[in-house]
Amino acid sequence: MSTNSKLTPDPLVLFGQRLVQLRKQRGWSQEQLALECGMARSYLGGVERGKRNIALLNICKLADALSVSPAEMLKFRDDLAVNPK
C-alpha cells in the first residue's frame, strides 16, 4: 500500500463527521435522526464513525430528514478528519 493513502482522509470518516455536524445543527440525537429517516440507530452510529459504507439511497433519506440536499451532505472538508468540530 502506498504511503499517500495514509495522508488521504477516509471519505467514510469525512461523511460521518459531516452527518454529525448536520444532525447537531438540528439539535437531534442519533435516536431522533434514526426515527426521522427510518434507519436503525446502531447503523447511523456506524455511519457517523466512518465504519459503514452508506448507500446513495440512504444518503437521500438522511438528507430528506435533515432538510438538506444530498449534495449538501457531501460538502465536507479534508481537514475535518484531523480537526473535527
Protein backbone atom coordinates (compact mmCIF):
# COMPACT_ATOMS: atom_id res chain seq x y z
CA MET A 1 0.00 0.00 0.00
CA SER A 2 1.37 3.44 -0.83
CA THR A 3 2.18 5.95 1.87
CA ASN A 4 -0.02 8.51 0.08
CA SER A 5 -3.15 6.60 1.15
CA LYS A 6 -2.21 7.27 4.79
CA LEU A 7 -2.29 11.03 4.07
CA THR A 8 -5.65 10.97 2.29
CA PRO A 9 -8.57 11.29 4.71
CA ASP A 10 -11.07 8.45 4.56
CA PRO A 11 -14.23 9.70 2.81
CA LEU A 12 -16.35 7.48 5.06
CA VAL A 13 -14.95 9.25 8.12
CA LEU A 14 -15.42 12.67 6.49
CA PHE A 15 -19.03 11.85 5.57
CA GLY A 16 -19.70 10.61 9.09
CA GLN A 17 -18.32 13.80 10.59
CA ARG A 18 -20.45 15.86 8.21
CA LEU A 19 -23.51 13.86 9.24
CA VAL A 20 -22.76 14.52 12.92
CA GLN A 21 -22.37 18.22 12.14
CA LEU A 22 -25.72 18.43 10.32
CA ARG A 23 -27.51 16.35 12.96
CA LYS A 24 -26.22 18.50 15.81
CA GLN A 25 -27.20 21.69 13.95
CA ARG A 26 -30.78 20.44 14.22
CA GLY A 27 -30.29 19.59 17.89
CA TRP A 28 -31.08 15.94 17.27
CA SER A 29 -29.72 12.81 18.91
CA GLN A 30 -28.81 9.78 16.81
CA GLU A 31 -32.04 8.23 18.01
CA GLN A 32 -34.13 11.17 16.80
CA LEU A 33 -32.46 11.13 13.37
CA ALA A 34 -32.98 7.37 13.17
CA LEU A 35 -36.69 7.83 13.86
CA GLU A 36 -36.99 10.65 11.31
CA CYS A 37 -35.33 8.72 8.47
CA GLY A 38 -36.43 5.17 9.32
CA MET A 39 -32.97 3.73 9.94
CA ALA A 40 -31.56 1.84 12.89
CA ARG A 41 -29.69 3.97 15.42
CA SER A 42 -26.84 1.45 15.52
CA TYR A 43 -26.48 1.74 11.73
CA LEU A 44 -26.33 5.55 11.96
CA GLY A 45 -23.71 5.26 14.68
CA GLY A 46 -21.58 3.17 12.34
CA VAL A 47 -22.02 5.72 9.56
CA GLU A 48 -21.06 8.58 11.87
CA ARG A 49 -17.92 6.70 12.94
CA GLY A 50 -16.97 6.01 9.32
CA LYS A 51 -17.42 2.25 9.76
CA ARG A 52 -20.27 1.84 7.26
CA ASN A 53 -20.18 2.40 3.52
CA ILE A 54 -23.51 4.18 3.17
CA ALA A 55 -25.60 3.72 0.03
CA LEU A 56 -26.85 6.60 -2.08
CA LEU A 57 -30.48 5.82 -1.20
CA ASN A 58 -29.66 6.16 2.49
CA ILE A 59 -27.82 9.44 1.86
CA CYS A 60 -31.00 10.69 0.20
CA LYS A 61 -33.15 9.54 3.16
CA LEU A 62 -30.84 11.31 5.60
CA ALA A 63 -30.79 14.47 3.50
CA ASP A 64 -34.59 14.49 3.38
CA ALA A 65 -34.87 14.00 7.15
CA LEU A 66 -32.33 16.79 7.77
CA SER A 67 -33.98 19.10 5.19
CA VAL A 68 -30.80 19.47 3.14
CA SER A 69 -29.86 18.37 -0.35
CA PRO A 70 -27.82 15.19 -0.82
CA ALA A 71 -25.09 17.42 -2.26
CA GLU A 72 -25.02 19.40 0.99
CA MET A 73 -24.29 16.19 2.87
CA LEU A 74 -21.23 15.65 0.71
CA LYS A 75 -19.80 19.10 1.41
CA PHE A 76 -17.11 18.03 3.80
CA ARG A 77 -13.59 19.33 4.17
CA ASP A 78 -10.47 17.18 4.24
CA ASP A 79 -9.34 18.85 7.46
CA LEU A 80 -12.41 17.61 9.37
CA ALA A 81 -10.76 14.21 9.81
CA VAL A 82 -7.89 15.88 11.63
CA ASN A 83 -9.80 18.66 13.42
CA PRO A 84 -13.46 17.63 13.87
CA LYS A 85 -15.79 20.42 15.03
